[in-house]
Amino acid sequence: MDPAVILVLCLSSLLLLFLWRQSSGRGKLPPGPTPLPIIGNILQLDVKNRKKTFSNFSKVYGPVFTVYFGMKPAVVLHGYEAVKEALIDHGEEFSGRGLSPLTERTSKGLGIIFSNGNRWKEIRRFTLMTLRNFGMGKRTIEERVQEEARCLVDELRKTKASSCDPTFILGCAPCNVICSIIFQNRFDYKDQNFLTLMERLDKNFKMQSSPWIQEKHNSQSEFTMENLLNTVSDLFVAGTETTSTTLRYGLLLLLKHPEVTAKVQAEIDRVIGRHRSPCMQDRSHMPYMDAVVHEIQRYIDLVPISLPHAVTRDIKFRNYLIPKGTTILTSLTSVLHDDKEFPNPEKFDPGHFLDESGNFKKSNFFMPFSTGKRICVGEGLARMELFLFLTSILQNFNLKSSIDPKKLNATSISGVFISLPPLYKISFIPV
């Protein structure tokens, strides 16, 4: 038979198979843009700005809609009500982790980020218990973060007020906190072992994989060396990159908004002064600083789409039937930038978290760590680090840019999973 005829027959068969699957199963899923055979909705998605694409889709198809990545459907949750209903009200059913071919190949379904089912429950329980035993949630952890904050200030002093890229130093601080928890020891920023660890974390961040695995898997236990090493790797990746990026982005925003920085420093002078280290107890007396940290996290929208979830069983959700294993994408952007909860959400404004009397105002829409059963296990530590590191920096330094603050570009650069700040230089002028 002529090869061209064979090719046409094969393509026709694939097209018919795709259309049959669509007609037999698509009616159970929420509506969405019509996918093309084989490639799905890929051509309709702006890879560099998925959050904008999803926002546009939600205006047409509502807060729950379906998109196809190739021939695989994914249900998108857009807006606070849809996210809350799924991840909190139906938390167990939406607690699965959606996997891509890349993460399946690199993580092998191990560790705490990309595992599923009983394995995930056991390793999460073990991780939380171990972190508590190591001091998480106790005064000892705060003391370690305070120690690292002092070391961070010392390193920034060594820049001698020169214009510098803060990326490396701001990456070292949260990484050292994780080291102090897991290894019970922090490292000098020039220690060769520490530098090697930082280099490996940087190389493996996008792949979410660990370079140390060699071991065989024992199906009788979830606590294999391979699984534990993947879990440790997950803690380093999640606990270093996200916090350091938030710190770097936060300092850029403070550079761009000197009036905000001035108010924060006035509050620091009033509550803490210049001669003692900040502590978490100070936060309740510093509503403006608390609001600034929250607004930094809200504004930068660090993980716009969050990591993919998956439903653990067939579930009826808003009159749709979502089959077990279906990937679920949650638009955290639609929650953090909700214009009814946060007027002018594209504007950096600490007032989003302050009431008329200047007191700190909580918001259920504040979900930078996601929500539900898959919420980040390191949320408490990250909040502590952001408050203590930023407060310590502003207590000891004035921030200066070599260009007019109004001309600084604060538009995010879309990474694989997170929003990155553009490169910039900053001078730390000792107070």
Protein backbone atom coordinates (compact mmCIF):
# COMPACT_ATOMS: atom_id res chain seq x y z
CA MET A 1 0.00 0.00 0.00
CA ASP A 2 1.20 3.50 -0.80
CA PRO A 3 2.90 5.14 2.27
CA ALA A 4 0.86 8.32 1.77
CA VAL A 5 -2.37 6.32 1.98
CA ILE A 6 -1.16 4.60 5.15
CA LEU A 7 -0.32 7.98 6.68
CA VAL A 8 -3.76 9.38 5.81
CA LEU A 9 -5.48 6.30 7.27
CA CYS A 10 -3.44 6.54 10.48
CA LEU A 11 -4.19 10.24 10.91
CA SER A 12 -7.86 9.66 10.15
CA SER A 13 -8.00 6.87 12.73
CA LEU A 14 -6.40 9.09 15.35
CA LEU A 15 -8.83 11.88 14.52
CA LEU A 16 -11.85 9.57 14.81
CA LEU A 17 -10.52 8.15 18.08
CA PHE A 18 -10.05 11.65 19.46
CA LEU A 19 -13.54 12.76 18.38
CA TRP A 20 -15.07 9.60 19.87
CA ARG A 21 -13.33 10.20 23.18
CA GLN A 22 -14.52 13.79 23.13
CA SER A 23 -18.15 12.88 22.43
CA SER A 24 -18.22 10.04 24.96
CA GLY A 25 -16.42 11.75 27.82
CA ARG A 26 -16.31 15.51 27.31
CA GLY A 27 -19.94 16.01 28.27
CA LYS A 28 -19.04 15.00 31.83
CA LEU A 29 -16.35 17.65 32.13
CA PRO A 30 -16.87 21.42 32.46
CA PRO A 31 -17.08 23.40 29.20
CA GLY A 32 -14.03 24.98 27.63
CA PRO A 33 -12.42 26.07 24.38
CA THR A 34 -12.79 23.53 21.57
CA PRO A 35 -9.56 21.49 21.37
CA LEU A 36 -7.88 20.51 18.14
CA PRO A 37 -7.16 16.82 17.46
CA ILE A 38 -3.91 15.57 18.98
CA ILE A 39 -2.64 19.01 20.14
CA GLY A 40 -5.67 20.07 22.18
CA ASN A 41 -5.73 23.75 23.17
CA ILE A 42 -1.96 24.29 23.02
CA LEU A 43 -2.21 26.91 20.26
CA GLN A 44 -4.75 28.90 22.29
CA LEU A 45 -2.55 29.06 25.39
CA ASP A 46 -0.04 31.86 25.89
CA VAL A 47 2.79 29.82 27.43
CA LYS A 48 4.47 32.97 28.75
CA ASN A 49 1.28 34.27 30.34
CA ARG A 50 -1.02 31.37 31.20
CA LYS A 51 -2.71 33.37 33.95
CA LYS A 52 -3.96 35.92 31.40
CA THR A 53 -5.14 33.15 29.08
CA PHE A 54 -7.05 31.45 31.91
CA SER A 55 -8.58 34.78 32.94
CA ASN A 56 -9.87 35.27 29.40
CA PHE A 57 -11.24 31.71 29.27
CA SER A 58 -13.07 32.22 32.59
CA LYS A 59 -14.93 35.21 31.16
CA VAL A 60 -16.34 32.96 28.45
CA TYR A 61 -16.77 29.59 30.19
CA GLY A 62 -17.15 30.54 33.85
CA PRO A 63 -15.04 29.81 36.96
CA VAL A 64 -14.68 26.07 36.22
CA PHE A 65 -13.59 25.09 32.71
CA THR A 66 -11.60 22.46 30.84
CA VAL A 67 -8.51 22.86 28.67
CA TYR A 68 -6.63 20.13 26.83
CA PHE A 69 -2.86 19.74 26.88
CA GLY A 70 -2.51 17.45 23.91
CA MET A 71 -5.19 14.80 24.41
CA LYS A 72 -5.14 15.11 28.21
CA PRO A 73 -7.83 17.27 29.85
CA ALA A 74 -7.21 19.57 32.80
CA VAL A 75 -9.96 21.26 34.80
CA VAL A 76 -9.13 24.85 35.77
CA LEU A 77 -10.49 26.49 38.93
CA HIS A 78 -10.69 30.27 38.62
CA GLY A 79 -11.67 32.57 41.46
CA TYR A 80 -11.87 32.27 45.24
CA GLU A 81 -15.22 30.48 45.46
CA ALA A 82 -14.26 27.70 43.03
CA VAL A 83 -10.82 27.22 44.62
CA LYS A 84 -12.27 27.15 48.15
CA GLU A 85 -15.08 24.77 47.22
CA ALA A 86 -12.65 22.31 45.65
CA LEU A 87 -9.53 22.47 47.84
CA ILE A 88 -11.20 23.06 51.20
CA ASP A 89 -14.82 21.86 51.04
CA HIS A 90 -13.83 18.79 48.98
CA GLY A 91 -10.24 18.70 50.20
CA GLU A 92 -9.80 14.92 50.24
CA GLU A 93 -11.13 14.40 46.72
CA PHE A 94 -8.90 17.16 45.30
CA SER A 95 -5.77 16.22 47.27
CA GLY A 96 -4.08 14.24 44.50
CA ARG A 97 -0.99 15.55 42.72
CA GLY A 98 -1.20 15.95 38.98
CA LEU A 99 1.90 14.69 37.19
CA SER A 100 3.53 15.63 33.90
CA PRO A 101 5.88 13.36 31.91
CA LEU A 102 8.81 15.45 33.19
CA THR A 103 7.93 15.18 36.88
CA GLU A 104 7.10 11.49 36.53
CA ARG A 105 10.51 10.88 35.04
CA THR A 106 12.49 13.04 37.46
CA SER A 107 10.69 12.55 40.79
CA LYS A 108 9.38 9.01 40.11
CA GLY A 109 6.40 9.93 42.29
CA LEU A 110 8.64 10.10 45.37
CA GLY A 111 9.22 12.81 47.96
CA ILE A 112 6.55 15.10 49.39
CA ILE A 113 5.80 17.39 46.42
CA PHE A 114 4.98 14.90 43.67
CA SER A 115 3.88 11.80 45.58
CA ASN A 116 0.29 10.56 45.80
CA GLY A 117 -2.07 8.40 47.84
CA ASN A 118 -0.87 6.56 50.92
CA ARG A 119 2.78 7.28 50.07
CA TRP A 120 2.13 11.03 50.18
CA LYS A 121 0.13 10.79 53.42
CA GLU A 122 2.83 8.77 55.17
CA ILE A 123 5.75 10.89 54.00
CA ARG A 124 3.90 14.14 54.79
CA ARG A 125 3.04 12.91 58.29
CA PHE A 126 6.65 11.80 58.80
CA THR A 127 8.02 15.11 57.49
CA LEU A 128 5.81 17.24 59.74
CA MET A 129 6.64 15.09 62.78
CA THR A 130 10.36 15.22 62.05
CA LEU A 131 10.37 18.98 61.48
CA ARG A 132 8.56 19.47 64.79
CA ASN A 133 11.13 17.26 66.50
CA PHE A 134 13.84 19.44 64.95
CA GLY A 135 12.21 22.53 66.41
CA MET A 136 9.68 23.70 63.79
CA GLY A 137 7.09 25.90 65.47
CA LYS A 138 9.25 26.28 68.55
CA ARG A 139 11.49 29.03 69.85
CA THR A 140 14.59 27.12 68.68
CA ILE A 141 13.65 27.60 65.01
CA GLU A 142 13.07 31.32 65.54
CA GLU A 143 16.51 31.56 67.13
CA ARG A 144 18.06 29.90 64.07
CA VAL A 145 16.28 32.30 61.72
CA GLN A 146 17.38 35.24 63.89
CA GLU A 147 20.97 33.98 63.78
CA GLU A 148 20.78 33.71 59.99
CA ALA A 149 19.27 37.19 59.78
CA ARG A 150 22.30 38.55 61.67
CA CYS A 151 24.64 36.67 59.32
CA LEU A 152 22.73 38.03 56.33
CA VAL A 153 23.15 41.58 57.63
CA ASP A 154 26.90 40.94 58.10
CA GLU A 155 27.20 39.70 54.51
CA LEU A 156 25.33 42.73 53.20
CA ARG A 157 27.70 45.01 55.13
CA LYS A 158 30.58 43.41 53.23
CA THR A 159 29.18 44.88 49.99
CA LYS A 160 30.33 48.26 51.40
CA ALA A 161 27.30 50.08 50.01
CA SER A 162 28.32 49.26 46.44
CA SER A 163 25.72 48.50 43.79
CA CYS A 164 25.22 44.72 43.66
CA ASP A 165 22.96 41.93 42.44
CA PRO A 166 21.45 40.49 45.67
CA THR A 167 20.43 37.13 44.15
CA PHE A 168 23.20 34.95 45.60
CA ILE A 169 23.20 36.37 49.14
CA LEU A 170 19.40 36.25 49.39
CA GLY A 171 19.50 32.62 48.23
CA CYS A 172 22.05 31.66 50.88
CA ALA A 173 19.99 32.82 53.85
CA PRO A 174 16.88 30.59 53.49
CA CYS A 175 19.02 27.67 52.29
CA ASN A 176 21.10 27.93 55.46
CA VAL A 177 17.94 27.83 57.59
CA ILE A 178 16.99 24.51 55.97
CA CYS A 179 20.57 23.30 56.57
CA SER A 180 20.33 24.25 60.24
CA ILE A 181 17.09 22.25 60.56
CA ILE A 182 18.15 19.13 58.65
CA PHE A 183 21.91 19.04 59.36
CA GLN A 184 21.71 20.91 62.69
CA ASN A 185 24.41 23.20 61.32
CA ARG A 186 24.62 26.37 59.24
CA PHE A 187 27.45 27.13 56.81
CA ASP A 188 29.60 30.09 55.97
CA TYR A 189 28.45 31.61 52.69
CA LYS A 190 31.87 30.81 51.18
CA ASP A 191 32.01 27.20 52.44
CA GLN A 192 32.75 24.96 49.45
CA ASN A 193 30.23 22.29 50.47
CA PHE A 194 27.57 24.96 50.86
CA LEU A 195 28.42 26.51 47.50
CA THR A 196 28.17 23.08 45.88
CA LEU A 197 24.75 22.57 47.45
CA MET A 198 23.58 25.96 46.19
CA GLU A 199 24.84 25.18 42.71
CA ARG A 200 23.05 21.84 42.62
CA LEU A 201 19.82 23.35 43.90
CA ASP A 202 19.98 25.97 41.19
CA LYS A 203 20.57 23.38 38.45
CA ASN A 204 17.85 21.04 39.67
CA PHE A 205 15.17 23.56 40.57
CA LYS A 206 13.45 23.43 37.20
CA MET A 207 13.63 19.67 37.00
CA GLN A 208 12.53 19.03 40.61
CA SER A 209 15.00 16.18 40.89
CA SER A 210 17.73 15.12 43.31
CA PRO A 211 21.31 14.41 42.16
CA TRP A 212 22.06 12.10 45.09
CA ILE A 213 19.77 9.10 44.28
CA GLN A 214 21.34 5.63 43.66
CA GLU A 215 19.30 3.33 45.87
CA LYS A 216 16.85 0.50 45.10
CA HIS A 217 13.14 0.86 45.91
CA ASN A 218 11.67 -1.39 48.56
CA SER A 219 7.95 -1.75 47.84
CA GLN A 220 7.29 -2.86 51.42
CA SER A 221 8.05 0.56 52.91
CA GLU A 222 7.67 4.20 51.92
CA PHE A 223 10.74 5.10 54.00
CA THR A 224 13.36 4.01 51.51
CA MET A 225 16.60 5.94 51.15
CA GLU A 226 15.44 7.08 47.70
CA ASN A 227 12.13 8.41 49.00
CA LEU A 228 13.73 10.14 52.00
CA LEU A 229 16.40 11.76 49.84
CA ASN A 230 13.74 13.00 47.45
CA THR A 231 11.86 14.44 50.43
CA VAL A 232 14.97 16.25 51.67
CA SER A 233 15.58 17.54 48.15
CA ASP A 234 11.97 18.78 48.00
CA LEU A 235 12.44 20.65 51.27
CA PHE A 236 15.58 22.36 49.98
CA VAL A 237 14.05 23.28 46.62
CA ALA A 238 10.76 24.53 48.06
CA GLY A 239 12.33 26.14 51.13
CA THR A 240 15.12 27.95 49.29
CA GLU A 241 13.96 29.10 45.87
CA THR A 242 10.52 30.38 46.81
CA THR A 243 11.65 32.36 49.87
CA SER A 244 14.76 33.80 48.21
CA THR A 245 12.74 34.86 45.15
CA THR A 246 10.15 36.53 47.40
CA LEU A 247 12.91 38.37 49.28
CA ARG A 248 14.54 39.50 46.02
CA TYR A 249 11.22 40.65 44.57
CA GLY A 250 10.27 42.31 47.86
CA LEU A 251 13.43 44.42 47.97
CA LEU A 252 12.80 45.51 44.37
CA LEU A 253 9.31 46.69 45.33
CA LEU A 254 10.67 48.51 48.38
CA LEU A 255 13.25 50.20 46.13
CA LYS A 256 10.50 51.27 43.75
CA HIS A 257 8.28 52.55 46.58
CA PRO A 258 10.54 54.53 48.96
CA GLU A 259 7.52 56.01 50.72
CA VAL A 260 6.56 52.48 51.87
CA THR A 261 10.12 51.78 52.98
CA ALA A 262 10.19 55.00 55.01
CA LYS A 263 6.97 54.04 56.86
CA VAL A 264 8.35 50.57 57.63
CA GLN A 265 11.60 51.99 58.99
CA ALA A 266 9.71 54.48 61.15
CA GLU A 267 7.71 51.59 62.62
CA ILE A 268 10.91 49.59 63.21
CA ASP A 269 12.47 52.56 65.06
CA ARG A 270 9.36 52.94 67.17
CA VAL A 271 8.86 49.25 68.10
CA ILE A 272 12.32 47.65 67.97
CA GLY A 273 14.92 50.39 67.78
CA ARG A 274 18.40 49.85 66.38
CA HIS A 275 20.09 47.80 69.08
CA ARG A 276 18.27 44.49 69.33
CA SER A 277 17.33 41.81 66.85
CA PRO A 278 13.73 41.64 65.62
CA CYS A 279 11.63 38.72 66.92
CA MET A 280 8.29 37.25 65.92
CA GLN A 281 6.65 38.79 68.97
CA ASP A 282 7.27 42.18 67.37
CA ARG A 283 4.97 41.37 64.45
CA SER A 284 1.78 41.88 66.47
CA HIS A 285 2.99 45.42 67.26
CA MET A 286 3.99 46.17 63.65
CA PRO A 287 0.81 46.14 61.56
CA TYR A 288 2.35 48.12 58.71
CA MET A 289 5.34 45.79 58.34
CA ASP A 290 2.99 42.80 58.53
CA ALA A 291 0.85 44.35 55.80
CA VAL A 292 3.91 45.04 53.63
CA VAL A 293 5.07 41.40 53.81
CA HIS A 294 1.57 40.18 52.93
CA GLU A 295 1.26 42.69 50.09
CA ILE A 296 4.63 41.62 48.65
CA GLN A 297 3.42 38.02 48.53
CA ARG A 298 0.04 39.00 47.13
CA TYR A 299 1.39 41.36 44.53
CA ILE A 300 4.20 39.19 43.12
CA ASP A 301 1.85 36.21 42.73
CA LEU A 302 4.82 33.85 43.08
CA VAL A 303 3.13 30.64 41.88
CA PRO A 304 0.34 31.86 39.55
CA ILE A 305 -1.17 28.47 38.67
CA SER A 306 0.11 26.50 41.68
CA LEU A 307 1.34 22.95 41.23
CA PRO A 308 -1.22 20.68 39.55
CA HIS A 309 -3.69 18.74 41.68
CA ALA A 310 -5.65 15.64 40.66
CA VAL A 311 -8.94 14.20 41.86
CA THR A 312 -8.55 11.01 43.88
CA ARG A 313 -11.89 9.53 42.79
CA ASP A 314 -14.76 10.23 40.39
CA ILE A 315 -16.50 13.28 41.80
CA LYS A 316 -19.58 15.31 40.96
CA PHE A 317 -18.55 18.95 41.20
CA ARG A 318 -20.91 21.79 40.30
CA ASN A 319 -23.04 19.42 38.21
CA TYR A 320 -20.02 18.13 36.30
CA LEU A 321 -18.57 14.65 36.64
CA ILE A 322 -14.79 14.78 36.94
CA PRO A 323 -13.20 11.33 36.49
CA LYS A 324 -10.60 10.00 38.92
CA GLY A 325 -7.07 11.10 38.02
CA THR A 326 -8.11 14.23 36.10
CA THR A 327 -5.58 17.04 36.46
CA ILE A 328 -6.81 20.11 38.35
CA LEU A 329 -5.18 23.52 37.89
CA THR A 330 -5.90 26.23 40.46
CA SER A 331 -5.45 29.86 39.44
CA LEU A 332 -4.00 31.49 42.55
CA THR A 333 -3.72 34.71 40.52
CA SER A 334 -7.51 34.92 40.33
CA VAL A 335 -7.67 34.81 44.14
CA LEU A 336 -4.69 37.03 45.03
CA HIS A 337 -5.66 39.62 42.40
CA ASP A 338 -9.42 39.59 42.97
CA ASP A 339 -10.49 43.20 42.40
CA LYS A 340 -13.40 43.05 44.85
CA GLU A 341 -11.24 41.88 47.74
CA PHE A 342 -8.21 43.95 46.71
CA PRO A 343 -9.20 47.18 44.90
CA ASN A 344 -6.71 48.01 42.14
CA PRO A 345 -5.01 44.60 42.51
CA GLU A 346 -2.27 45.45 39.99
CA LYS A 347 -1.06 48.24 42.30
CA PHE A 348 1.41 47.53 45.13
CA ASP A 349 -0.44 48.87 48.16
CA PRO A 350 0.03 47.65 51.78
CA GLY A 351 -3.35 49.24 52.48
CA HIS A 352 -4.91 46.08 51.05
CA PHE A 353 -4.15 44.51 54.45
CA LEU A 354 -4.95 47.45 56.73
CA ASP A 355 -8.28 48.66 58.10
CA GLU A 356 -9.31 52.29 58.44
CA SER A 357 -7.57 52.50 61.84
CA GLY A 358 -4.27 51.19 60.50
CA ASN A 359 -4.65 47.77 62.13
CA PHE A 360 -3.64 44.65 60.24
CA LYS A 361 -6.57 43.10 58.36
CA LYS A 362 -6.63 39.39 57.53
CA SER A 363 -8.06 38.09 54.26
CA ASN A 364 -9.30 34.63 53.33
CA PHE A 365 -8.13 35.43 49.80
CA PHE A 366 -4.47 35.40 50.90
CA MET A 367 -3.35 32.06 49.41
CA PRO A 368 0.29 32.39 48.26
CA PHE A 369 0.99 28.97 49.80
CA SER A 370 -2.12 27.47 48.18
CA THR A 371 -4.74 25.98 50.52
CA GLY A 372 -6.35 22.72 51.57
CA LYS A 373 -4.56 19.44 52.17
CA ARG A 374 -1.73 20.24 49.73
CA ILE A 375 -0.87 23.58 51.34
CA CYS A 376 2.88 24.15 51.64
CA VAL A 377 4.28 22.33 54.70
CA GLY A 378 6.82 25.13 55.18
CA GLU A 379 4.31 27.98 55.32
CA GLY A 380 5.05 28.84 58.95
CA LEU A 381 8.81 28.85 58.41
CA ALA A 382 8.54 30.94 55.24
CA ARG A 383 6.38 33.54 56.97
CA MET A 384 8.91 33.75 59.82
CA GLU A 385 11.85 34.11 57.44
CA LEU A 386 10.22 36.82 55.35
CA PHE A 387 9.31 38.90 58.38
CA LEU A 388 12.63 38.54 60.22
CA PHE A 389 14.90 38.85 57.17
CA LEU A 390 13.15 41.89 55.69
CA THR A 391 12.80 43.59 59.08
CA SER A 392 16.48 43.00 59.87
CA ILE A 393 17.57 44.39 56.49
CA LEU A 394 15.45 47.54 56.84
CA GLN A 395 16.58 47.97 60.46
CA ASN A 396 20.22 48.14 59.38
CA PHE A 397 20.20 49.58 55.87
CA ASN A 398 18.71 52.20 53.64
CA LEU A 399 18.02 50.90 50.14
CA LYS A 400 19.34 52.80 47.15
CA SER A 401 19.03 52.32 43.40
CA SER A 402 21.40 53.75 40.81
CA ILE A 403 18.41 54.78 38.70
CA ASP A 404 15.23 56.72 39.44
CA PRO A 405 12.96 54.42 41.53
CA LYS A 406 10.01 55.34 39.32
CA LYS A 407 11.85 53.90 36.32
CA LEU A 408 12.53 50.54 37.95
CA ASN A 409 10.83 47.67 36.16
CA ALA A 410 8.87 45.45 38.55
CA THR A 411 7.07 43.36 35.92
CA SER A 412 7.53 39.67 36.58
CA ILE A 413 9.27 37.22 34.29
CA SER A 414 7.36 33.96 33.96
CA GLY A 415 9.45 30.95 34.99
CA VAL A 416 8.54 27.27 34.85
CA PHE A 417 6.41 27.36 38.01
CA ILE A 418 7.10 30.75 39.59
CA SER A 419 7.11 34.44 38.72
CA LEU A 420 10.64 35.84 38.80
CA PRO A 421 11.60 39.49 39.29
CA PRO A 422 13.68 41.15 36.57
CA LEU A 423 17.39 41.49 37.33
CA TYR A 424 18.32 44.66 39.20
CA LYS A 425 21.08 46.14 41.32
CA ILE A 426 20.78 47.60 44.77
CA SER A 427 23.01 49.35 47.30
CA PHE A 428 22.67 48.59 51.01
CA ILE A 429 23.62 51.81 52.83
CA PRO A 430 24.33 51.23 56.55
CA VAL A 431 22.03 53.29 58.76
